[in-house]
C-alpha atoms as a PDB file:
ATOM      1  CA  MET A   1     -17.184-138.724  75.809  1.00  0.00           C
ATOM      2  CA  ARG A   2     -15.836-141.760  77.605  1.00  0.00           C
ATOM      3  CA  GLY A   3     -15.812-141.903  81.370  1.00  0.00           C
ATOM      4  CA  LYS A   4     -12.664-142.358  83.457  1.00  0.00           C
ATOM      5  CA  GLN A   5     -13.742-145.857  84.561  1.00  0.00           C
ATOM      6  CA  GLU A   6     -14.278-147.002  80.924  1.00  0.00           C
ATOM      7  CA  GLU A   7     -10.821-145.706  80.006  1.00  0.00           C
ATOM      8  CA  GLN A   8      -9.249-147.591  82.922  1.00  0.00           C
ATOM      9  CA  ILE A   9     -11.004-150.844  81.980  1.00  0.00           C
ATOM     10  CA  ALA A  10      -9.969-150.494  78.315  1.00  0.00           C
ATOM     11  CA  ALA A  11      -6.391-149.675  79.305  1.00  0.00           C
ATOM     12  CA  SER A  12      -6.231-152.768  81.537  1.00  0.00           C
ATOM     13  CA  LEU A  13      -7.093-155.233  78.736  1.00  0.00           C
ATOM     14  CA  SER A  14      -4.364-156.597  76.501  1.00  0.00           C
ATOM     15  CA  GLY A  15      -3.413-159.696  74.576  1.00  0.00           C
ATOM     16  CA  GLY A  16      -5.851-162.572  74.823  1.00  0.00           C
ATOM     17  CA  GLU A  17      -8.188-160.726  77.209  1.00  0.00           C
ATOM     18  CA  LEU A  18      -8.597-157.867  74.748  1.00  0.00           C
ATOM     19  CA  ASN A  19      -9.101-160.284  71.833  1.00  0.00           C
ATOM     20  CA  ALA A  20     -11.738-162.239  73.790  1.00  0.00           C
ATOM     21  CA  ALA A  21     -13.569-159.061  74.837  1.00  0.00           C
ATOM     22  CA  VAL A  22     -13.677-157.770  71.240  1.00  0.00           C
ATOM     23  CA  THR A  23     -14.877-161.146  69.966  1.00  0.00           C
ATOM     24  CA  SER A  24     -17.617-161.305  72.591  1.00  0.00           C
ATOM     25  CA  GLU A  25     -18.908-157.826  71.761  1.00  0.00           C
ATOM     26  CA  LEU A  26     -18.895-158.330  67.999  1.00  0.00           C
ATOM     27  CA  VAL A  27     -20.595-161.735  68.240  1.00  0.00           C
ATOM     28  CA  ARG A  28     -23.264-160.165  70.493  1.00  0.00           C
ATOM     29  CA  ILE A  29     -23.915-157.414  67.934  1.00  0.00           C
ATOM     30  CA  HIS A  30     -23.941-159.885  65.023  1.00  0.00           C
ATOM     31  CA  ALA A  31     -26.362-162.239  66.788  1.00  0.00           C
ATOM     32  CA  ALA A  32     -28.731-159.388  67.671  1.00  0.00           C
ATOM     33  CA  ALA A  33     -28.783-158.123  64.076  1.00  0.00           C
ATOM     34  CA  ILE A  34     -28.858-161.457  62.207  1.00  0.00           C
ATOM     35  CA  GLY A  35     -30.810-163.619  64.630  1.00  0.00           C
ATOM     36  CA  ARG A  36     -27.988-165.963  65.573  1.00  0.00           C
ATOM     37  CA  GLY A  37     -24.269-165.790  66.142  1.00  0.00           C
ATOM     38  CA  PRO A  38     -21.457-167.491  64.264  1.00  0.00           C
ATOM     39  CA  ARG A  39     -20.505-171.113  64.944  1.00  0.00           C
ATOM     40  CA  LYS A  40     -16.984-170.046  65.934  1.00  0.00           C
ATOM     41  CA  SER A  41     -15.140-166.736  66.111  1.00  0.00           C
ATOM     42  CA  TYR A  42     -11.841-165.239  67.166  1.00  0.00           C
ATOM     43  CA  SER A  43     -10.020-161.910  67.115  1.00  0.00           C
ATOM     44  CA  PHE A  44      -6.398-160.875  66.967  1.00  0.00           C
ATOM     45  CA  HIS A  45      -4.623-157.564  66.852  1.00  0.00           C
ATOM     46  CA  SER A  46      -1.246-156.142  65.960  1.00  0.00           C
ATOM     47  CA  GLY A  47      -0.391-152.484  66.290  1.00  0.00           C
ATOM     48  CA  GLU A  48      -3.242-150.473  64.830  1.00  0.00           C
ATOM     49  CA  THR A  49      -4.980-153.434  63.155  1.00  0.00           C
ATOM     50  CA  LEU A  50      -7.663-155.573  64.789  1.00  0.00           C
ATOM     51  CA  VAL A  51      -9.272-158.490  62.929  1.00  0.00           C
ATOM     52  CA  THR A  52     -12.269-160.619  63.891  1.00  0.00           C
ATOM     53  CA  VAL A  53     -13.035-163.783  61.934  1.00  0.00           C
ATOM     54  CA  MET A  54     -16.482-165.378  62.259  1.00  0.00           C
ATOM     55  CA  LEU A  55     -17.038-168.918  60.959  1.00  0.00           C
ATOM     56  CA  GLY A  56     -20.442-170.368  60.159  1.00  0.00           C
ATOM     57  CA  VAL A  57     -22.302-167.070  59.851  1.00  0.00           C
ATOM     58  CA  LEU A  58     -24.897-167.898  57.196  1.00  0.00           C
ATOM     59  CA  THR A  59     -28.450-168.564  58.291  1.00  0.00           C
ATOM     60  CA  ARG A  60     -30.298-171.625  57.002  1.00  0.00           C
ATOM     61  CA  ALA A  61     -32.263-169.379  54.617  1.00  0.00           C
ATOM     62  CA  GLU A  62     -29.033-167.888  53.255  1.00  0.00           C
ATOM     63  CA  GLN A  63     -27.513-171.353  52.836  1.00  0.00           C
ATOM     64  CA  THR A  64     -30.605-172.418  50.878  1.00  0.00           C
ATOM     65  CA  LEU A  65     -30.338-169.376  48.607  1.00  0.00           C
ATOM     66  CA  VAL A  66     -26.653-170.112  47.993  1.00  0.00           C
ATOM     67  CA  SER A  67     -27.501-173.728  47.077  1.00  0.00           C
ATOM     68  CA  TYR A  68     -29.988-172.396  44.479  1.00  0.00           C
ATOM     69  CA  GLY A  69     -27.323-170.197  42.882  1.00  0.00           C
ATOM     70  CA  GLU A  70     -28.358-166.972  44.595  1.00  0.00           C
ATOM     71  CA  GLY A  71     -25.024-166.316  46.314  1.00  0.00           C
ATOM     72  CA  GLU A  72     -24.761-162.776  44.926  1.00  0.00           C
ATOM     73  CA  ALA A  73     -28.125-161.908  46.493  1.00  0.00           C
ATOM     74  CA  VAL A  74     -26.918-163.270  49.840  1.00  0.00           C
ATOM     75  CA  LEU A  75     -23.693-161.255  49.600  1.00  0.00           C
ATOM     76  CA  ALA A  76     -25.634-158.094  48.734  1.00  0.00           C
ATOM     77  CA  MET A  77     -27.920-158.600  51.732  1.00  0.00           C
ATOM     78  CA  ARG A  78     -24.913-159.278  53.978  1.00  0.00           C
ATOM     79  CA  ARG A  79     -23.238-156.059  52.824  1.00  0.00           C
ATOM     80  CA  LEU A  80     -26.367-154.144  53.848  1.00  0.00           C
ATOM     81  CA  SER A  81     -26.437-155.923  57.215  1.00  0.00           C
ATOM     82  CA  GLN A  82     -22.769-155.149  57.805  1.00  0.00           C
ATOM     83  CA  ARG A  83     -23.363-151.464  57.062  1.00  0.00           C
ATOM     84  CA  ALA A  84     -26.283-151.471  59.506  1.00  0.00           C
ATOM     85  CA  MET A  85     -24.053-152.953  62.248  1.00  0.00           C
ATOM     86  CA  ALA A  86     -20.989-150.810  61.482  1.00  0.00           C
ATOM     87  CA  GLU A  87     -21.514-147.944  63.938  1.00  0.00           C
ATOM     88  CA  GLU A  88     -22.371-150.254  66.825  1.00  0.00           C
ATOM     89  CA  MET A  89     -19.360-152.456  66.059  1.00  0.00           C
ATOM     90  CA  LYS A  90     -17.009-149.461  65.872  1.00  0.00           C
ATOM     91  CA  ALA A  91     -18.353-148.158  69.188  1.00  0.00           C
ATOM     92  CA  ALA A  92     -17.841-151.586  70.782  1.00  0.00           C
ATOM     93  CA  VAL A  93     -14.246-151.818  69.524  1.00  0.00           C
ATOM     94  CA  THR A  94     -13.539-148.299  70.776  1.00  0.00           C
ATOM     95  CA  GLY A  95     -15.079-149.188  74.136  1.00  0.00           C
ATOM     96  CA  VAL A  96     -12.972-152.322  74.542  1.00  0.00           C
ATOM     97  CA  THR A  97      -9.674-150.988  73.165  1.00  0.00           C
ATOM     98  CA  GLY A  98      -9.891-147.382  74.324  1.00  0.00           C
ATOM     99  CA  ARG A  99      -8.866-146.325  70.804  1.00  0.00           C
ATOM    100  CA  ALA A 100     -10.975-144.714  68.074  1.00  0.00           C
ATOM    101  CA  VAL A 101     -11.665-146.691  64.920  1.00  0.00           C
ATOM    102  CA  LEU A 102     -10.282-144.898  61.859  1.00  0.00           C
ATOM    103  CA  ALA A 103     -11.650-147.421  59.353  1.00  0.00           C
ATOM    104  CA  GLN A 104     -13.713-150.608  59.298  1.00  0.00           C
ATOM    105  CA  LEU A 105     -13.781-153.135  56.477  1.00  0.00           C
ATOM    106  CA  SER A 106     -16.260-156.029  56.371  1.00  0.00           C
ATOM    107  CA  ASP A 107     -16.809-158.910  54.019  1.00  0.00           C
ATOM    108  CA  THR A 108     -18.543-162.290  53.814  1.00  0.00           C
ATOM    109  CA  HIS A 109     -17.325-165.385  52.012  1.00  0.00           C
ATOM    110  CA  LEU A 110     -19.780-168.096  50.984  1.00  0.00           C
ATOM    111  CA  ASP A 111     -17.611-171.220  50.675  1.00  0.00           C
ATOM    112  CA  PRO A 112     -16.249-171.636  53.203  1.00  0.00           C
ATOM    113  CA  ASP A 113     -18.946-169.842  55.193  1.00  0.00           C
ATOM    114  CA  MET A 114     -17.214-166.994  57.034  1.00  0.00           C
ATOM    115  CA  ALA A 115     -17.135-163.269  57.605  1.00  0.00           C
ATOM    116  CA  VAL A 116     -14.366-160.921  58.616  1.00  0.00           C
ATOM    117  CA  GLN A 117     -14.320-157.553  60.325  1.00  0.00           C
ATOM    118  CA  VAL A 118     -11.127-155.506  60.062  1.00  0.00           C
ATOM    119  CA  PHE A 119     -10.658-152.387  62.163  1.00  0.00           C
ATOM    120  CA  VAL A 120      -7.855-149.850  61.775  1.00  0.00           C
ATOM    121  CA  LEU A 121      -7.382-148.088  65.093  1.00  0.00           C
ATOM    122  CA  GLU A 122      -5.880-144.753  65.968  1.00  0.00           C
ATOM    123  CA  PRO A 123      -2.319-145.054  67.263  1.00  0.00           C
ATOM    124  CA  PRO A 124      -2.037-145.570  71.026  1.00  0.00           C
ATOM    125  CA  PRO A 125      -1.498-142.453  73.128  1.00  0.00           C
ATOM    126  CA  ALA A 126       2.144-141.492  73.514  1.00  0.00           C
END
């Protein structure tokens, strides 16, 4: 259960501040799980949809595997990593937005090197 102070902080963030706070939290989680953060990242939201794009996410080892034709292995490993981070990412988005996450979708693209996190949030309170 969220505390009153957390709810007030989440309710006070909007627009660019909310996008920056989400980006910061998701990059922190990604860096802790993968060993380094993305080269660049940004988030945006509209209604119940929140999207975070991370550019330059592949590690040097993953880049090497891709160059040797092992892209599918890298994508499979990334899918496992994304599943491992999912609960922490959903909790972070809920903490920043004050809204529960109904669904999360994640994917990685090899060329160009990027990943995306899409969150579908519960509707705002009436």
